[in-house]
């Protein structure tokens, strides 16, 4: 499994656990309709985030022009999915709108906070020269 997939799955699991805890609190404070709306918004946010790893997988090893086309199409599809998945229930007034949007936006915010330290560590390791990354052990 590649590094970006490990990062995406690790982040999705951690954010899902946090969203579950917040959803339980919302359930007790506001009721099942608000909690369900929150869970739906968080689920859409998590799926949208994981699709970013799919985009990176598609871009690996492609030509620059083809990669830009895939990236653009993936960007449009990801945000189109989010717009439809959040817009249709909002338009039809299926459940509380604010709870759904808080779940969606909260996932994006928390994923950035959770994953930023790991990305910085991976990036700093990748920027070091190879001879600094290799550990040498000498026995006396």
Protein backbone atom coordinates (compact mmCIF):
# COMPACT_ATOMS: atom_id res chain seq x y z
CA UNK A 1 0.00 0.00 0.00
CA UNK A 2 1.44 3.37 -0.97
CA UNK A 3 2.14 6.18 1.48
CA UNK A 4 -0.74 8.40 0.35
CA UNK A 5 -3.26 5.54 0.77
CA UNK A 6 -1.92 4.77 4.26
CA UNK A 7 -2.18 8.45 5.12
CA UNK A 8 -5.73 8.71 3.73
CA UNK A 9 -6.99 5.57 5.47
CA UNK A 10 -5.30 6.46 8.75
CA UNK A 11 -6.83 9.93 8.65
CA UNK A 12 -10.27 8.61 7.69
CA UNK A 13 -10.29 6.12 10.57
CA UNK A 14 -9.25 8.76 13.11
CA UNK A 15 -11.75 11.31 11.81
CA UNK A 16 -14.52 8.68 11.71
CA UNK A 17 -13.87 7.85 15.36
CA UNK A 18 -14.00 11.53 16.30
CA UNK A 19 -17.16 12.08 14.25
CA UNK A 20 -18.79 9.12 15.98
CA UNK A 21 -18.07 10.63 19.39
CA UNK A 22 -19.36 14.05 18.35
CA UNK A 23 -22.42 12.41 16.76
CA UNK A 24 -23.27 10.65 20.00
CA UNK A 25 -23.06 13.99 21.84
CA UNK A 26 -25.28 15.60 19.20
CA UNK A 27 -27.73 12.71 19.58
CA UNK A 28 -28.05 13.23 23.32
CA UNK A 29 -28.28 17.03 23.06
CA UNK A 30 -30.50 17.48 19.99
CA UNK A 31 -31.99 14.14 19.02
CA UNK A 32 -31.76 11.50 16.34
CA UNK A 33 -32.60 13.75 13.36
CA UNK A 34 -29.73 16.12 14.07
CA UNK A 35 -27.32 13.26 14.77
CA UNK A 36 -28.29 11.49 11.55
CA UNK A 37 -27.81 14.70 9.61
CA UNK A 38 -24.41 15.21 11.24
CA UNK A 39 -23.35 11.63 10.44
CA UNK A 40 -24.46 12.03 6.83
CA UNK A 41 -22.45 15.25 6.38
CA UNK A 42 -19.40 13.69 8.02
CA UNK A 43 -19.71 10.61 5.79
CA UNK A 44 -19.82 12.75 2.65
CA UNK A 45 -16.75 14.62 3.88
CA UNK A 46 -14.83 11.41 4.55
CA UNK A 47 -15.70 9.95 1.13
CA UNK A 48 -14.65 13.18 -0.52
CA UNK A 49 -11.35 13.13 1.36
CA UNK A 50 -10.58 9.51 0.47
CA UNK A 51 -11.25 10.29 -3.18
CA UNK A 52 -8.21 12.57 -3.02
CA UNK A 53 -6.03 9.47 -2.52
CA UNK A 54 -7.68 7.94 -5.57
CA UNK A 55 -6.77 11.03 -7.58
CA UNK A 56 -3.15 10.78 -6.46
CA UNK A 57 -3.11 7.11 -7.47
CA UNK A 58 -4.39 8.00 -10.92
CA UNK A 59 -1.78 10.73 -11.33
CA UNK A 60 1.21 8.54 -10.46
CA UNK A 61 3.30 7.67 -13.49
CA UNK A 62 1.25 9.61 -16.02
CA UNK A 63 2.40 12.23 -18.50
CA UNK A 64 2.04 15.84 -17.43
CA UNK A 65 -0.80 16.68 -19.85
CA UNK A 66 -2.71 13.48 -19.09
CA UNK A 67 -2.15 14.00 -15.37
CA UNK A 68 -3.55 17.52 -15.56
CA UNK A 69 -6.66 16.21 -17.34
CA UNK A 70 -7.17 13.50 -14.71
CA UNK A 71 -6.57 15.98 -11.91
CA UNK A 72 -9.05 18.47 -13.34
CA UNK A 73 -11.68 15.81 -13.96
CA UNK A 74 -11.19 14.36 -10.49
CA UNK A 75 -11.44 17.79 -8.90
CA UNK A 76 -14.70 18.51 -10.73
CA UNK A 77 -16.10 15.05 -9.89
CA UNK A 78 -15.17 15.31 -6.22
CA UNK A 79 -16.77 18.70 -5.73
CA UNK A 80 -19.72 17.77 -7.94
CA UNK A 81 -20.30 14.74 -5.72
CA UNK A 82 -20.17 16.91 -2.59
CA UNK A 83 -22.51 19.50 -4.10
CA UNK A 84 -25.08 16.90 -5.13
CA UNK A 85 -24.75 14.81 -1.96
CA UNK A 86 -25.26 17.86 0.24
CA UNK A 87 -27.43 19.96 -2.06
CA UNK A 88 -30.20 17.46 -2.78
CA UNK A 89 -31.05 16.77 0.90
CA UNK A 90 -30.79 20.50 1.62
CA UNK A 91 -33.10 21.40 -1.27
CA UNK A 92 -35.63 18.74 -0.31
CA UNK A 93 -35.40 19.72 3.39
CA UNK A 94 -34.88 16.08 4.36
CA UNK A 95 -33.14 16.87 7.64
CA UNK A 96 -31.48 19.70 9.56
CA UNK A 97 -29.17 21.58 7.21
CA UNK A 98 -26.80 23.13 9.75
CA UNK A 99 -25.95 19.80 11.39
CA UNK A 100 -25.19 18.27 7.99
CA UNK A 101 -22.95 21.16 6.96
CA UNK A 102 -21.17 21.18 10.33
CA UNK A 103 -20.43 17.47 9.89
CA UNK A 104 -19.07 18.02 6.38
CA UNK A 105 -17.00 21.11 7.19
CA UNK A 106 -15.83 19.62 10.49
CA UNK A 107 -14.38 16.62 8.68
CA UNK A 108 -12.37 18.84 6.36
CA UNK A 109 -11.08 20.94 9.24
CA UNK A 110 -10.19 17.99 11.47
CA UNK A 111 -8.56 16.03 8.64
CA UNK A 112 -6.24 18.94 7.97
CA UNK A 113 -5.36 19.25 11.65
CA UNK A 114 -4.87 15.48 12.09
CA UNK A 115 -2.88 14.89 8.91
CA UNK A 116 -0.71 18.01 8.80
CA UNK A 117 1.93 16.74 11.26
CA UNK A 118 2.25 13.41 9.40
CA UNK A 119 2.57 15.14 6.02
CA UNK A 120 5.25 17.47 7.36
CA UNK A 121 7.20 14.52 8.77
CA UNK A 122 6.95 12.62 5.48
CA UNK A 123 7.97 15.70 3.50
CA UNK A 124 10.95 16.54 5.69
CA UNK A 125 12.13 12.93 5.45
CA UNK A 126 11.82 12.97 1.67
CA UNK A 127 13.81 16.21 1.38
CA UNK A 128 16.80 14.91 3.34
CA UNK A 129 19.65 13.46 1.30
CA UNK A 130 19.81 9.70 1.09
CA UNK A 131 23.01 9.49 3.11
CA UNK A 132 21.25 11.17 6.08
CA UNK A 133 18.31 8.76 5.94
CA UNK A 134 20.48 5.66 6.04
CA UNK A 135 21.28 4.47 9.51
CA UNK A 136 24.68 2.95 9.91
CA UNK A 137 25.64 0.78 12.83
CA UNK A 138 29.24 0.11 13.62
CA UNK A 139 30.24 -2.43 16.17
CA UNK A 140 33.45 -1.92 18.08
